[in-house]
Amino acid sequence: MEVLTEAWEDTKGQKVPSIAKAWAAICLLLNVFLPGVGSAVAGIMEKRWSTVLIGVLQLATCWFIVGWIWSIYWGYLIAYYSTG
């Protein structure tokens, strides 16, 4: 239940993992072509299980277009806040 609360807070606050720029670019591309996968990869890299859950939710809702748009936006945020 804690992961759900954390995922909700991350989504509201647009808190994304801060990963290396090269990985962030890969995660962005993954989120564009495989919605949620890039978010899940970034979450796994940073051990942020709430972000992994967000990636799973993006994948589950991509059929409604909402998840796909959310995934692209989240990929953009990951790239924007990347380090290095």
N, C-alpha and C. Protein backbone atom coordinates (compact mmCIF):
# COMPACT_ATOMS: atom_id res chain seq x y z
N MET A 1 0.82 -1.19 0.00
CA MET A 1 0.00 0.00 0.00
C MET A 1 0.87 1.26 0.00
N GLU A 2 2.02 1.17 0.63
CA GLU A 2 2.94 2.31 0.68
C GLU A 2 3.42 2.70 -0.71
N VAL A 3 3.66 1.71 -1.57
CA VAL A 3 4.12 1.99 -2.93
C VAL A 3 3.05 2.75 -3.70
N LEU A 4 1.77 2.41 -3.49
CA LEU A 4 0.69 3.13 -4.17
C LEU A 4 0.64 4.59 -3.74
N THR A 5 0.78 4.83 -2.45
CA THR A 5 0.78 6.19 -1.94
C THR A 5 1.96 6.97 -2.50
N GLU A 6 3.13 6.33 -2.52
CA GLU A 6 4.33 6.97 -3.04
C GLU A 6 4.18 7.26 -4.53
N ALA A 7 3.59 6.32 -5.28
CA ALA A 7 3.37 6.53 -6.72
C ALA A 7 2.44 7.71 -6.95
N TRP A 8 1.39 7.81 -6.13
CA TRP A 8 0.46 8.92 -6.27
C TRP A 8 1.17 10.25 -5.98
N GLU A 9 1.97 10.29 -4.93
CA GLU A 9 2.70 11.52 -4.59
C GLU A 9 3.72 11.88 -5.67
N ASP A 10 4.40 10.88 -6.23
CA ASP A 10 5.36 11.12 -7.31
C ASP A 10 4.65 11.69 -8.53
N THR A 11 3.47 11.17 -8.84
CA THR A 11 2.72 11.64 -10.00
C THR A 11 2.25 13.07 -9.78
N LYS A 12 1.70 13.34 -8.61
CA LYS A 12 1.23 14.70 -8.33
C LYS A 12 2.37 15.70 -8.36
N GLY A 13 3.50 15.34 -7.78
CA GLY A 13 4.64 16.24 -7.70
C GLY A 13 5.57 16.14 -8.89
N GLN A 14 5.25 15.30 -9.85
CA GLN A 14 6.07 15.05 -11.04
C GLN A 14 7.52 14.75 -10.64
N LYS A 15 7.67 13.86 -9.66
CA LYS A 15 8.99 13.45 -9.19
C LYS A 15 9.45 12.26 -10.02
N VAL A 16 10.47 12.47 -10.80
CA VAL A 16 10.99 11.41 -11.66
C VAL A 16 12.42 11.08 -11.25
N PRO A 17 12.89 9.88 -11.57
CA PRO A 17 14.28 9.53 -11.25
C PRO A 17 15.26 10.41 -12.02
N SER A 18 16.38 10.70 -11.40
CA SER A 18 17.44 11.47 -12.04
C SER A 18 18.53 10.48 -12.45
N ILE A 19 18.58 10.18 -13.74
CA ILE A 19 19.54 9.20 -14.26
C ILE A 19 20.46 9.89 -15.26
N ALA A 20 21.48 9.18 -15.71
CA ALA A 20 22.43 9.73 -16.68
C ALA A 20 21.71 10.10 -17.98
N LYS A 21 22.21 11.14 -18.64
CA LYS A 21 21.57 11.65 -19.86
C LYS A 21 21.40 10.58 -20.95
N ALA A 22 22.41 9.73 -21.13
CA ALA A 22 22.32 8.70 -22.16
C ALA A 22 21.17 7.74 -21.85
N TRP A 23 21.07 7.33 -20.61
CA TRP A 23 19.98 6.43 -20.21
C TRP A 23 18.63 7.14 -20.28
N ALA A 24 18.63 8.42 -19.96
CA ALA A 24 17.38 9.19 -20.03
C ALA A 24 16.87 9.26 -21.46
N ALA A 25 17.78 9.42 -22.42
CA ALA A 25 17.37 9.46 -23.83
C ALA A 25 16.79 8.11 -24.25
N ILE A 26 17.41 7.03 -23.79
CA ILE A 26 16.90 5.69 -24.10
C ILE A 26 15.53 5.49 -23.47
N CYS A 27 15.36 5.93 -22.23
CA CYS A 27 14.07 5.79 -21.55
C CYS A 27 12.99 6.61 -22.25
N LEU A 28 13.34 7.79 -22.73
CA LEU A 28 12.38 8.60 -23.47
C LEU A 28 11.93 7.87 -24.73
N LEU A 29 12.88 7.34 -25.49
CA LEU A 29 12.52 6.59 -26.70
C LEU A 29 11.68 5.36 -26.38
N LEU A 30 12.04 4.67 -25.31
CA LEU A 30 11.24 3.51 -24.90
C LEU A 30 9.82 3.93 -24.55
N ASN A 31 9.68 5.04 -23.86
CA ASN A 31 8.34 5.50 -23.48
C ASN A 31 7.51 5.92 -24.69
N VAL A 32 8.16 6.39 -25.74
CA VAL A 32 7.42 6.77 -26.94
C VAL A 32 6.92 5.52 -27.68
N PHE A 33 7.79 4.53 -27.82
CA PHE A 33 7.45 3.36 -28.63
C PHE A 33 6.90 2.18 -27.84
N LEU A 34 7.24 2.08 -26.56
CA LEU A 34 6.72 1.04 -25.68
C LEU A 34 6.27 1.71 -24.39
N PRO A 35 5.08 2.27 -24.38
CA PRO A 35 4.63 3.10 -23.24
C PRO A 35 4.85 2.43 -21.88
N GLY A 36 5.49 3.17 -20.99
CA GLY A 36 5.71 2.71 -19.63
C GLY A 36 7.01 1.96 -19.41
N VAL A 37 7.56 1.39 -20.45
CA VAL A 37 8.78 0.59 -20.29
C VAL A 37 9.96 1.46 -19.87
N GLY A 38 10.09 2.64 -20.48
CA GLY A 38 11.17 3.55 -20.11
C GLY A 38 11.04 4.02 -18.67
N SER A 39 9.82 4.29 -18.24
CA SER A 39 9.59 4.70 -16.85
C SER A 39 9.98 3.57 -15.89
N ALA A 40 9.59 2.36 -16.24
CA ALA A 40 9.92 1.21 -15.39
C ALA A 40 11.43 0.99 -15.32
N VAL A 41 12.11 1.12 -16.46
CA VAL A 41 13.57 0.96 -16.49
C VAL A 41 14.24 2.02 -15.62
N ALA A 42 13.80 3.27 -15.75
CA ALA A 42 14.37 4.34 -14.93
C ALA A 42 14.10 4.08 -13.45
N GLY A 43 12.93 3.60 -13.13
CA GLY A 43 12.60 3.28 -11.74
C GLY A 43 13.46 2.16 -11.19
N ILE A 44 13.70 1.15 -12.00
CA ILE A 44 14.56 0.04 -11.57
C ILE A 44 16.00 0.52 -11.35
N MET A 45 16.46 1.39 -12.25
CA MET A 45 17.84 1.90 -12.12
C MET A 45 18.03 2.69 -10.83
N GLU A 46 17.01 3.40 -10.41
CA GLU A 46 17.10 4.22 -9.20
C GLU A 46 16.50 3.54 -7.97
N LYS A 47 16.02 2.31 -8.15
CA LYS A 47 15.37 1.56 -7.07
C LYS A 47 14.20 2.35 -6.48
N ARG A 48 13.42 2.96 -7.38
CA ARG A 48 12.20 3.69 -6.99
C ARG A 48 11.02 2.88 -7.49
N TRP A 49 10.48 2.06 -6.61
CA TRP A 49 9.43 1.13 -7.01
C TRP A 49 8.14 1.84 -7.36
N SER A 50 7.98 3.05 -6.84
CA SER A 50 6.79 3.82 -7.23
C SER A 50 6.85 4.18 -8.71
N THR A 51 8.04 4.47 -9.23
CA THR A 51 8.19 4.79 -10.65
C THR A 51 7.99 3.54 -11.50
N VAL A 52 8.40 2.40 -11.01
CA VAL A 52 8.14 1.14 -11.72
C VAL A 52 6.62 0.92 -11.82
N LEU A 53 5.92 1.16 -10.71
CA LEU A 53 4.47 1.03 -10.71
C LEU A 53 3.83 2.01 -11.69
N ILE A 54 4.34 3.23 -11.74
CA ILE A 54 3.83 4.22 -12.69
C ILE A 54 4.02 3.72 -14.12
N GLY A 55 5.17 3.13 -14.40
CA GLY A 55 5.42 2.55 -15.73
C GLY A 55 4.43 1.45 -16.06
N VAL A 56 4.12 0.60 -15.10
CA VAL A 56 3.15 -0.47 -15.31
C VAL A 56 1.76 0.13 -15.59
N LEU A 57 1.40 1.17 -14.84
CA LEU A 57 0.11 1.83 -15.06
C LEU A 57 0.06 2.51 -16.43
N GLN A 58 1.17 3.09 -16.85
CA GLN A 58 1.22 3.70 -18.18
C GLN A 58 1.01 2.64 -19.26
N LEU A 59 1.65 1.50 -19.09
CA LEU A 59 1.48 0.41 -20.05
C LEU A 59 0.05 -0.11 -20.06
N ALA A 60 -0.53 -0.24 -18.87
CA ALA A 60 -1.89 -0.77 -18.77
C ALA A 60 -2.92 0.18 -19.36
N THR A 61 -2.66 1.49 -19.32
CA THR A 61 -3.63 2.45 -19.83
C THR A 61 -3.29 3.00 -21.21
N CYS A 62 -2.23 2.49 -21.83
CA CYS A 62 -1.84 3.02 -23.14
C CYS A 62 -2.89 2.75 -24.21
N TRP A 63 -3.70 1.74 -24.01
CA TRP A 63 -4.75 1.41 -24.99
C TRP A 63 -5.82 2.49 -25.04
N PHE A 64 -5.89 3.30 -24.00
CA PHE A 64 -6.86 4.38 -23.97
C PHE A 64 -6.23 5.71 -24.37
N ILE A 65 -5.04 5.67 -24.92
CA ILE A 65 -4.24 6.82 -25.34
C ILE A 65 -3.73 7.64 -24.14
N VAL A 66 -4.46 7.66 -23.06
CA VAL A 66 -4.05 8.43 -21.88
C VAL A 66 -2.69 7.95 -21.37
N GLY A 67 -2.52 6.65 -21.26
CA GLY A 67 -1.26 6.09 -20.78
C GLY A 67 -0.10 6.39 -21.71
N TRP A 68 -0.37 6.42 -23.01
CA TRP A 68 0.68 6.69 -23.97
C TRP A 68 1.15 8.15 -23.85
N ILE A 69 0.20 9.08 -23.74
CA ILE A 69 0.54 10.49 -23.57
C ILE A 69 1.26 10.71 -22.24
N TRP A 70 0.75 10.07 -21.19
CA TRP A 70 1.38 10.15 -19.87
C TRP A 70 2.80 9.62 -19.94
N SER A 71 3.00 8.52 -20.65
CA SER A 71 4.31 7.90 -20.78
C SER A 71 5.29 8.82 -21.51
N ILE A 72 4.84 9.43 -22.58
CA ILE A 72 5.71 10.35 -23.33
C ILE A 72 6.09 11.54 -22.45
N TYR A 73 5.11 12.08 -21.74
CA TYR A 73 5.39 13.22 -20.87
C TYR A 73 6.36 12.82 -19.76
N TRP A 74 6.15 11.65 -19.18
CA TRP A 74 7.03 11.18 -18.11
C TRP A 74 8.45 10.96 -18.66
N GLY A 75 8.56 10.43 -19.87
CA GLY A 75 9.87 10.26 -20.52
C GLY A 75 10.56 11.59 -20.73
N TYR A 76 9.77 12.61 -21.14
CA TYR A 76 10.32 13.95 -21.29
C TYR A 76 10.85 14.47 -19.95
N LEU A 77 10.08 14.28 -18.88
CA LEU A 77 10.53 14.74 -17.56
C LEU A 77 11.80 14.02 -17.12
N ILE A 78 11.88 12.73 -17.38
CA ILE A 78 13.09 11.97 -17.03
C ILE A 78 14.29 12.55 -17.79
N ALA A 79 14.12 12.84 -19.08
CA ALA A 79 15.21 13.41 -19.86
C ALA A 79 15.56 14.82 -19.38
N TYR A 80 14.56 15.61 -19.04
CA TYR A 80 14.78 16.99 -18.60
C TYR A 80 15.54 17.05 -17.29
N TYR A 81 15.21 16.16 -16.36
CA TYR A 81 15.85 16.18 -15.04
C TYR A 81 17.04 15.23 -14.96
N SER A 82 17.52 14.72 -16.07
CA SER A 82 18.65 13.80 -16.04
C SER A 82 19.93 14.54 -15.66
N THR A 83 20.91 13.77 -15.22
CA THR A 83 22.17 14.35 -14.76
C THR A 83 23.30 13.99 -15.73
N GLY A 84 24.39 14.69 -15.57
CA GLY A 84 25.59 14.37 -16.34
C GLY A 84 25.53 14.83 -17.69
